[in-house]
Protein backbone atom coordinates (compact mmCIF):
# COMPACT_ATOMS: atom_id res chain seq x y z
CA UNK A 1 -3.89 -8.54 -9.33
CA UNK A 2 -1.54 -9.85 -6.63
CA UNK A 3 1.10 -10.35 -9.23
CA UNK A 4 1.37 -6.50 -9.46
CA UNK A 5 2.27 -6.23 -5.82
CA UNK A 6 5.70 -6.47 -4.21
CA UNK A 7 6.82 -7.05 -0.65
CA UNK A 8 7.35 -3.88 1.26
CA UNK A 9 10.32 -5.48 2.99
CA UNK A 10 11.97 -8.15 0.86
CA UNK A 11 13.38 -9.81 3.96
CA UNK A 12 9.97 -10.09 5.71
CA UNK A 13 8.84 -13.59 6.17
CA UNK A 14 5.81 -15.23 7.73
CA UNK A 15 2.12 -16.04 7.19
CA UNK A 16 1.30 -12.30 6.52
CA UNK A 17 3.62 -9.78 4.93
CA UNK A 18 3.23 -5.99 4.06
CA UNK A 19 2.76 -5.46 0.35
CA UNK A 20 3.35 -2.33 -1.71
CA UNK A 21 2.20 -0.99 -5.12
CA UNK A 22 5.35 -0.75 -7.15
CA UNK A 23 4.58 2.29 -9.29
CA UNK A 24 2.11 4.94 -10.34
CA UNK A 25 0.76 2.88 -13.29
CA UNK A 26 -0.25 0.01 -11.03
CA UNK A 27 -1.49 2.31 -8.40
CA UNK A 28 -3.86 3.90 -10.88
CA UNK A 29 -5.18 0.44 -11.81
CA UNK A 30 -5.82 -0.25 -8.11
CA UNK A 31 -7.60 3.05 -7.70
CA UNK A 32 -9.81 2.34 -10.68
CA UNK A 33 -10.75 -1.10 -9.22
CA UNK A 34 -11.59 0.52 -5.80
CA UNK A 35 -13.61 3.25 -7.47
CA UNK A 36 -15.55 0.55 -9.42
CA UNK A 37 -16.18 -1.34 -6.22
CA UNK A 38 -17.64 1.69 -4.43
CA UNK A 39 -19.76 2.68 -7.37
CA UNK A 40 -21.34 -0.80 -7.70
CA UNK A 41 -21.75 -1.85 -4.11
CA UNK A 42 -22.30 0.94 -1.64
CA UNK A 43 -25.39 2.82 -0.55
CA UNK A 44 -24.82 6.17 -2.06
CA UNK A 45 -26.76 7.98 0.74
CA UNK A 46 -23.76 7.55 3.20
CA UNK A 47 -21.42 8.78 0.42
CA UNK A 48 -23.67 11.77 -0.25
CA UNK A 49 -23.85 12.69 3.37
CA UNK A 50 -20.19 12.51 3.65
CA UNK A 51 -19.65 14.90 0.83
CA UNK A 52 -22.30 17.25 2.06
CA UNK A 53 -20.61 17.29 5.44
CA UNK A 54 -17.27 18.06 3.76
CA UNK A 55 -18.63 20.82 1.58
CA UNK A 56 -20.30 22.27 4.71
CA UNK A 57 -17.19 22.04 6.91
CA UNK A 58 -18.82 19.58 9.36
CA UNK A 59 -15.86 17.63 10.74
CA UNK A 60 -17.91 15.43 13.02
CA UNK A 61 -20.32 14.18 10.51
CA UNK A 62 -17.69 13.67 7.89
CA UNK A 63 -15.69 11.58 10.43
CA UNK A 64 -18.79 9.60 11.29
CA UNK A 65 -19.79 8.83 7.75
CA UNK A 66 -16.24 7.99 6.57
CA UNK A 67 -15.96 5.63 9.60
CA UNK A 68 -19.31 4.14 8.50
CA UNK A 69 -18.01 3.54 4.92
CA UNK A 70 -14.80 1.96 6.35
CA UNK A 71 -16.68 -0.33 8.57
CA UNK A 72 -18.71 -1.69 5.56
CA UNK A 73 -15.85 -1.92 3.03
CA UNK A 74 -12.37 -2.78 4.22
CA UNK A 75 -10.73 -5.75 5.70
CA UNK A 76 -8.26 -5.67 8.66
CA UNK A 77 -5.69 -6.55 6.00
CA UNK A 78 -6.15 -3.21 4.32
CA UNK A 79 -4.62 -0.80 6.88
CA UNK A 80 -2.14 0.93 4.72
CA UNK A 81 -1.92 4.57 3.67
CA UNK A 82 -2.12 3.70 -0.06
CA UNK A 83 -5.37 1.87 0.57
CA UNK A 84 -6.94 4.82 2.52
CA UNK A 85 -5.97 7.05 -0.29
CA UNK A 86 -7.68 4.74 -2.84
CA UNK A 87 -10.66 4.46 -0.44
CA UNK A 88 -11.20 8.18 -0.51
CA UNK A 89 -10.75 8.48 -4.30
CA UNK A 90 -13.25 5.67 -4.68
CA UNK A 91 -16.04 7.04 -2.47
CA UNK A 92 -15.75 10.53 -3.97
CA UNK A 93 -15.47 9.58 -7.60
CA UNK A 94 -18.16 7.12 -7.16
CA UNK A 95 -20.51 9.99 -6.84
CA UNK A 96 -19.37 11.58 -10.08
CA UNK A 97 -16.88 14.12 -8.82
CA UNK A 98 -13.82 14.61 -10.79
CA UNK A 99 -11.00 13.66 -8.47
CA UNK A 100 -7.32 14.37 -9.09
CA UNK A 101 -4.88 12.11 -7.22
CA UNK A 102 -1.23 13.01 -6.43
CA UNK A 103 -1.30 16.11 -8.62
CA UNK A 104 1.19 18.88 -8.36
CA UNK A 105 -0.17 21.95 -6.40
CA UNK A 106 1.73 24.70 -4.74
CA UNK A 107 4.94 23.25 -3.42
CA UNK A 108 4.12 19.58 -3.54
CA UNK A 109 1.48 17.01 -4.48
CA UNK A 110 -1.91 16.86 -2.93
CA UNK A 111 -3.24 13.38 -2.03
CA UNK A 112 -6.73 14.25 -3.46
CA UNK A 113 -8.22 17.34 -4.89
CA UNK A 114 -11.74 17.93 -6.19
CA UNK A 115 -12.75 20.83 -8.48
CA UNK A 116 -16.32 21.78 -9.18
CA UNK A 117 -15.63 24.45 -11.82
CA UNK A 118 -19.36 25.28 -12.34
CA UNK A 119 -19.70 26.11 -8.66
CA UNK A 120 -16.23 27.55 -8.48
CA UNK A 121 -15.41 25.40 -5.45
CA UNK A 122 -12.77 22.94 -4.60
CA UNK A 123 -11.52 20.55 -1.94
CA UNK A 124 -8.09 19.24 -0.76
CA UNK A 125 -7.81 16.05 1.28
CA UNK A 126 -4.51 14.91 2.81
CA UNK A 127 -4.75 11.37 4.18
CA UNK A 128 -2.50 10.07 7.05
CA UNK A 129 -2.35 6.52 8.47
CA UNK A 130 -2.21 6.54 12.29
CA UNK A 131 -0.18 3.80 14.13
CA UNK A 132 -2.27 4.08 17.24
CA UNK A 133 -5.88 5.34 17.74
CA UNK A 134 -4.61 8.07 20.24
CA UNK A 135 -2.40 9.41 17.40
CA UNK A 136 -5.40 10.22 15.13
CA UNK A 137 -5.92 13.85 16.25
CA UNK A 138 -2.22 14.71 15.83
CA UNK A 139 -2.05 12.96 12.50
CA UNK A 140 -5.13 14.67 11.16
CA UNK A 141 -3.62 18.00 12.29
CA UNK A 142 -0.39 17.05 10.50
CA UNK A 143 -2.27 16.45 7.29
CA UNK A 144 -3.96 19.81 7.57
CA UNK A 145 -0.63 21.46 8.38
CA UNK A 146 0.92 19.89 5.28
CA UNK A 147 -1.67 21.57 3.18
CA UNK A 148 -0.75 24.98 4.54
CA UNK A 149 2.99 24.51 4.55
CA UNK A 150 3.09 23.19 1.08
CA UNK A 151 0.64 25.97 -0.12
CA UNK A 152 -1.55 23.42 -1.99
CA UNK A 153 -4.28 26.07 -2.41
CA UNK A 154 -2.09 27.91 -4.96
CA UNK A 155 -3.39 25.61 -7.63
CA UNK A 156 -7.04 26.82 -7.00
CA UNK A 157 -6.83 30.53 -8.01
CA UNK A 158 -10.17 31.76 -9.31
CA UNK A 159 -12.22 29.40 -7.08
CA UNK A 160 -14.57 31.12 -4.61
CA UNK A 161 -13.98 28.47 -1.92
CA UNK A 162 -11.62 25.67 -1.18
CA UNK A 163 -12.25 23.28 1.72
CA UNK A 164 -9.11 21.71 3.12
CA UNK A 165 -8.89 18.61 5.34
CA UNK A 166 -6.36 16.47 7.12
CA UNK A 167 -7.85 13.00 7.57
CA UNK A 168 -6.28 10.40 9.78
CA UNK A 169 -7.13 6.75 9.52
CA UNK A 170 -6.71 3.98 12.20
CA UNK A 171 -8.04 0.60 11.18
CA UNK A 172 -11.65 1.19 10.49
CA UNK A 173 -11.91 4.63 11.93
CA UNK A 174 -11.51 8.06 10.30
CA UNK A 175 -10.91 11.58 11.94
CA UNK A 176 -11.44 14.65 9.76
CA UNK A 177 -9.98 18.02 10.63
CA UNK A 178 -10.69 21.19 8.65
CA UNK A 179 -8.03 23.79 7.92
CA UNK A 180 -9.46 27.19 8.63
CA UNK A 181 -7.90 30.02 6.63
């Protein structure tokens, strides 16, 4: 798949360089590969605990379980926002949830939204990559604020509840912050 990646900075040289996914079509291919990986290799009990925590508004448990999953799955080479986005898509869709990625809602595009129509509940996740561990709280709050500012919940009319989270990532750590409306 490396033939589908391009250098983020064409002038960057050295033993390691930052890569980027060049377009939405290739991004979708990578997301599907990540989803398959999570479906085939992970202990689903951690994924289920994560989703239960998110549906119940338990930020601390969600942060801990997401960090557990990061610890067992990613390499130190994977610390890019696109990867974290695909990571979230993979762990959630691996449990059978219908996940929409980069879809138009309100005044922008949500990173991830989940809709359980039978239960009339939904969830919005906005992922942020932190440059330093101490930036994680601010970045999670920025993600949460983006959901409010861009009115992403508009796309969920008729749902009884919509859980909204800003999630910051730093290396193999995650911090989840809930938007309270």
